[in-house]
Amino acid sequence: MDTLKVPLAAEHATLDDVSVWEWSGSAYDEGAEAAEWLSAYFGKPSRLVRFKEESEIRPTNPEYAQGYKITFTDCFPFLIASQGSLDALNELLKEPVPINRFRPNILVDGCHPYAEDLWKTIKINKLTFDGVKLCDRCKKN
């Protein structure tokens, strides 16, 4: 398919009753061109929406990270994974899986498999991240 370019600075019409997991609210509709592209790709009617940060609030789970907010992510704004964990998993599988299967925002290398599960504070340059919860998608025995 041709590349779809969506100018994020442009404001579009608002769609109401957009839902992600337990949250529902309004979001910006990214327009007809994006909808046509996605509908053709998925083979069913689809719309691309952008979180409306000016008027909507979706808080993180207060049991783990009180006072923070997210947009359309699953539970938290960042997911960290390591190449070592992926390599260890792939040694157990008949067919290896790529890292994009887990959709991490941050991929680290040079640590032992599953070491990232124990990290409470992660510093990258001047940024500090708190490790608050294991991802629900990553089941361990």
C-alpha atoms as a PDB file:
ATOM      1  CA  MET A   1       0.000   0.000   0.000  1.00  0.00           C
ATOM      2  CA  ASP A   2       1.029   3.597  -0.442  1.00  0.00           C
ATOM      3  CA  THR A   3       2.417   5.365   2.618  1.00  0.00           C
ATOM      4  CA  LEU A   4      -0.200   7.112   4.752  1.00  0.00           C
ATOM      5  CA  LYS A   5       0.900  10.485   6.120  1.00  0.00           C
ATOM      6  CA  VAL A   6      -1.147  12.018   8.921  1.00  0.00           C
ATOM      7  CA  PRO A   7      -0.331  15.599  10.001  1.00  0.00           C
ATOM      8  CA  LEU A   8      -0.640  15.455  13.785  1.00  0.00           C
ATOM      9  CA  ALA A   9      -0.728  19.229  14.147  1.00  0.00           C
ATOM     10  CA  ALA A  10      -4.047  19.492  12.307  1.00  0.00           C
ATOM     11  CA  GLU A  11      -7.257  19.380  14.315  1.00  0.00           C
ATOM     12  CA  HIS A  12     -10.127  17.416  12.844  1.00  0.00           C
ATOM     13  CA  ALA A  13     -13.707  16.703  13.782  1.00  0.00           C
ATOM     14  CA  THR A  14     -14.356  15.018  17.113  1.00  0.00           C
ATOM     15  CA  LEU A  15     -15.784  11.514  17.410  1.00  0.00           C
ATOM     16  CA  ASP A  16     -17.668  10.613  20.570  1.00  0.00           C
ATOM     17  CA  ASP A  17     -17.967   7.143  22.124  1.00  0.00           C
ATOM     18  CA  VAL A  18     -14.420   6.076  21.309  1.00  0.00           C
ATOM     19  CA  SER A  19     -13.424   3.258  23.657  1.00  0.00           C
ATOM     20  CA  VAL A  20     -10.191   1.568  24.709  1.00  0.00           C
ATOM     21  CA  TRP A  21     -10.415  -1.142  27.359  1.00  0.00           C
ATOM     22  CA  GLU A  22     -12.547   0.310  30.193  1.00  0.00           C
ATOM     23  CA  TRP A  23     -12.245   3.958  29.056  1.00  0.00           C
ATOM     24  CA  SER A  24     -14.594   5.763  26.689  1.00  0.00           C
ATOM     25  CA  GLY A  25     -14.659   9.382  25.589  1.00  0.00           C
ATOM     26  CA  SER A  26     -14.091  11.612  22.585  1.00  0.00           C
ATOM     27  CA  ALA A  27     -11.123  11.729  20.185  1.00  0.00           C
ATOM     28  CA  TYR A  28     -10.028  13.558  17.058  1.00  0.00           C
ATOM     29  CA  ASP A  29     -10.973  11.814  13.814  1.00  0.00           C
ATOM     30  CA  GLU A  30      -7.918  11.893  11.535  1.00  0.00           C
ATOM     31  CA  GLY A  31     -10.054  12.201   8.416  1.00  0.00           C
ATOM     32  CA  ALA A  32     -11.390  10.397   5.369  1.00  0.00           C
ATOM     33  CA  GLU A  33      -8.022   9.626   3.730  1.00  0.00           C
ATOM     34  CA  ALA A  34      -6.767   7.806   6.839  1.00  0.00           C
ATOM     35  CA  ALA A  35     -10.108   5.995   7.213  1.00  0.00           C
ATOM     36  CA  GLU A  36     -10.023   4.820   3.584  1.00  0.00           C
ATOM     37  CA  TRP A  37      -6.408   3.638   3.898  1.00  0.00           C
ATOM     38  CA  LEU A  38      -7.088   1.685   7.112  1.00  0.00           C
ATOM     39  CA  SER A  39     -10.371   0.266   5.806  1.00  0.00           C
ATOM     40  CA  ALA A  40      -8.601  -1.022   2.689  1.00  0.00           C
ATOM     41  CA  TYR A  41      -5.776  -2.513   4.765  1.00  0.00           C
ATOM     42  CA  PHE A  42      -8.019  -4.227   7.348  1.00  0.00           C
ATOM     43  CA  GLY A  43     -10.788  -5.099   4.907  1.00  0.00           C
ATOM     44  CA  LYS A  44     -13.476  -3.575   7.127  1.00  0.00           C
ATOM     45  CA  PRO A  45     -14.620  -0.038   7.987  1.00  0.00           C
ATOM     46  CA  SER A  46     -12.000   1.613  10.216  1.00  0.00           C
ATOM     47  CA  ARG A  47     -11.186   5.095  11.532  1.00  0.00           C
ATOM     48  CA  LEU A  48      -7.933   6.547  12.830  1.00  0.00           C
ATOM     49  CA  VAL A  49      -8.398   8.644  15.945  1.00  0.00           C
ATOM     50  CA  ARG A  50      -6.029  10.694  18.106  1.00  0.00           C
ATOM     51  CA  PHE A  51      -6.453  11.135  21.844  1.00  0.00           C
ATOM     52  CA  LYS A  52      -7.924  14.520  22.695  1.00  0.00           C
ATOM     53  CA  GLU A  53      -5.547  15.511  25.492  1.00  0.00           C
ATOM     54  CA  GLU A  54      -7.083  18.955  25.919  1.00  0.00           C
ATOM     55  CA  SER A  55     -10.388  17.601  27.242  1.00  0.00           C
ATOM     56  CA  GLU A  56     -10.010  13.897  28.010  1.00  0.00           C
ATOM     57  CA  ILE A  57      -8.321  12.179  30.945  1.00  0.00           C
ATOM     58  CA  ARG A  58      -7.379   8.515  31.177  1.00  0.00           C
ATOM     59  CA  PRO A  59      -5.487   7.829  34.418  1.00  0.00           C
ATOM     60  CA  THR A  60      -3.072   4.971  35.009  1.00  0.00           C
ATOM     61  CA  ASN A  61      -4.085   2.289  37.477  1.00  0.00           C
ATOM     62  CA  PRO A  62      -3.716   4.042  40.866  1.00  0.00           C
ATOM     63  CA  GLU A  63      -2.646   0.762  42.522  1.00  0.00           C
ATOM     64  CA  TYR A  64       0.645   1.025  40.620  1.00  0.00           C
ATOM     65  CA  ALA A  65       1.194   4.602  39.446  1.00  0.00           C
ATOM     66  CA  GLN A  66      -1.091   7.149  41.047  1.00  0.00           C
ATOM     67  CA  GLY A  67      -1.313  10.609  39.545  1.00  0.00           C
ATOM     68  CA  TYR A  68      -0.209   9.773  36.001  1.00  0.00           C
ATOM     69  CA  LYS A  69      -2.238   9.686  32.827  1.00  0.00           C
ATOM     70  CA  ILE A  70      -2.095   7.773  29.565  1.00  0.00           C
ATOM     71  CA  THR A  71      -3.692   8.066  26.153  1.00  0.00           C
ATOM     72  CA  PHE A  72      -4.530   4.960  24.078  1.00  0.00           C
ATOM     73  CA  THR A  73      -1.838   2.671  25.529  1.00  0.00           C
ATOM     74  CA  ASP A  74      -2.868  -0.544  27.288  1.00  0.00           C
ATOM     75  CA  CYS A  75      -2.081   0.363  30.899  1.00  0.00           C
ATOM     76  CA  PHE A  76       0.999   2.555  31.130  1.00  0.00           C
ATOM     77  CA  PRO A  77       2.823   4.960  28.809  1.00  0.00           C
ATOM     78  CA  PHE A  78       5.953   2.798  28.340  1.00  0.00           C
ATOM     79  CA  LEU A  79       6.736  -0.887  27.998  1.00  0.00           C
ATOM     80  CA  ILE A  80      10.348  -1.980  28.364  1.00  0.00           C
ATOM     81  CA  ALA A  81      11.718  -5.306  27.108  1.00  0.00           C
ATOM     82  CA  SER A  82      15.178  -6.740  26.602  1.00  0.00           C
ATOM     83  CA  GLN A  83      16.835  -8.514  23.725  1.00  0.00           C
ATOM     84  CA  GLY A  84      18.050 -11.122  26.240  1.00  0.00           C
ATOM     85  CA  SER A  85      14.466 -11.939  27.246  1.00  0.00           C
ATOM     86  CA  LEU A  86      13.405 -12.247  23.620  1.00  0.00           C
ATOM     87  CA  ASP A  87      16.388 -14.487  22.850  1.00  0.00           C
ATOM     88  CA  ALA A  88      15.616 -16.723  25.869  1.00  0.00           C
ATOM     89  CA  LEU A  89      11.979 -17.024  24.822  1.00  0.00           C
ATOM     90  CA  ASN A  90      12.884 -17.843  21.226  1.00  0.00           C
ATOM     91  CA  GLU A  91      15.156 -20.676  22.396  1.00  0.00           C
ATOM     92  CA  LEU A  92      12.023 -22.357  23.799  1.00  0.00           C
ATOM     93  CA  LEU A  93       9.822 -21.867  20.738  1.00  0.00           C
ATOM     94  CA  LYS A  94       9.633 -23.960  17.578  1.00  0.00           C
ATOM     95  CA  GLU A  95       9.190 -20.761  15.540  1.00  0.00           C
ATOM     96  CA  PRO A  96      10.879 -17.615  16.880  1.00  0.00           C
ATOM     97  CA  VAL A  97       8.851 -14.448  17.302  1.00  0.00           C
ATOM     98  CA  PRO A  98      10.066 -10.901  16.547  1.00  0.00           C
ATOM     99  CA  ILE A  99      10.192  -8.188  19.200  1.00  0.00           C
ATOM    100  CA  ASN A 100       7.366  -6.247  17.546  1.00  0.00           C
ATOM    101  CA  ARG A 101       5.057  -9.033  18.748  1.00  0.00           C
ATOM    102  CA  PHE A 102       5.349  -7.474  22.222  1.00  0.00           C
ATOM    103  CA  ARG A 103       5.242  -3.818  21.093  1.00  0.00           C
ATOM    104  CA  PRO A 104       7.764  -2.343  23.559  1.00  0.00           C
ATOM    105  CA  ASN A 105       8.534   1.365  23.467  1.00  0.00           C
ATOM    106  CA  ILE A 106      12.015   0.721  24.845  1.00  0.00           C
ATOM    107  CA  LEU A 107      14.250  -2.235  23.935  1.00  0.00           C
ATOM    108  CA  VAL A 108      17.454  -2.748  25.940  1.00  0.00           C
ATOM    109  CA  ASP A 109      20.395  -5.045  25.301  1.00  0.00           C
ATOM    110  CA  GLY A 110      23.305  -6.263  27.377  1.00  0.00           C
ATOM    111  CA  CYS A 111      21.407  -7.608  30.390  1.00  0.00           C
ATOM    112  CA  HIS A 112      20.450 -11.091  31.542  1.00  0.00           C
ATOM    113  CA  PRO A 113      17.115 -12.492  30.343  1.00  0.00           C
ATOM    114  CA  TYR A 114      14.170 -11.100  32.327  1.00  0.00           C
ATOM    115  CA  ALA A 115      16.409  -8.726  34.322  1.00  0.00           C
ATOM    116  CA  GLU A 116      14.095  -5.876  33.309  1.00  0.00           C
ATOM    117  CA  ASP A 117      11.304  -7.517  35.339  1.00  0.00           C
ATOM    118  CA  LEU A 118      13.141  -6.550  38.534  1.00  0.00           C
ATOM    119  CA  TRP A 119      14.168  -2.990  37.679  1.00  0.00           C
ATOM    120  CA  LYS A 120      12.436  -0.392  39.858  1.00  0.00           C
ATOM    121  CA  THR A 121      14.193   2.676  38.410  1.00  0.00           C
ATOM    122  CA  ILE A 122      15.411   3.027  34.828  1.00  0.00           C
ATOM    123  CA  LYS A 123      17.534   6.015  33.777  1.00  0.00           C
ATOM    124  CA  ILE A 124      18.059   6.861  30.121  1.00  0.00           C
ATOM    125  CA  ASN A 125      20.152  10.010  29.721  1.00  0.00           C
ATOM    126  CA  LYS A 126      18.307  12.631  31.806  1.00  0.00           C
ATOM    127  CA  LEU A 127      15.021  10.705  31.915  1.00  0.00           C
ATOM    128  CA  THR A 128      13.998   8.514  34.839  1.00  0.00           C
ATOM    129  CA  PHE A 129      11.325   5.816  34.552  1.00  0.00           C
ATOM    130  CA  ASP A 130       9.720   3.858  37.387  1.00  0.00           C
ATOM    131  CA  GLY A 131       9.206   0.147  36.877  1.00  0.00           C
ATOM    132  CA  VAL A 132       5.797  -0.267  38.484  1.00  0.00           C
ATOM    133  CA  LYS A 133       4.243  -3.456  37.114  1.00  0.00           C
ATOM    134  CA  LEU A 134       4.946  -6.425  34.866  1.00  0.00           C
ATOM    135  CA  CYS A 135       3.049  -6.360  31.584  1.00  0.00           C
ATOM    136  CA  ASP A 136      -0.138  -8.448  31.577  1.00  0.00           C
ATOM    137  CA  ARG A 137       0.751  -9.711  28.096  1.00  0.00           C
ATOM    138  CA  CYS A 138       3.945 -11.329  29.401  1.00  0.00           C
ATOM    139  CA  LYS A 139       2.913 -14.453  31.294  1.00  0.00           C
ATOM    140  CA  LYS A 140       5.552 -16.345  33.236  1.00  0.00           C
ATOM    141  CA  ASN A 141       5.422 -19.848  34.722  1.00  0.00           C
END
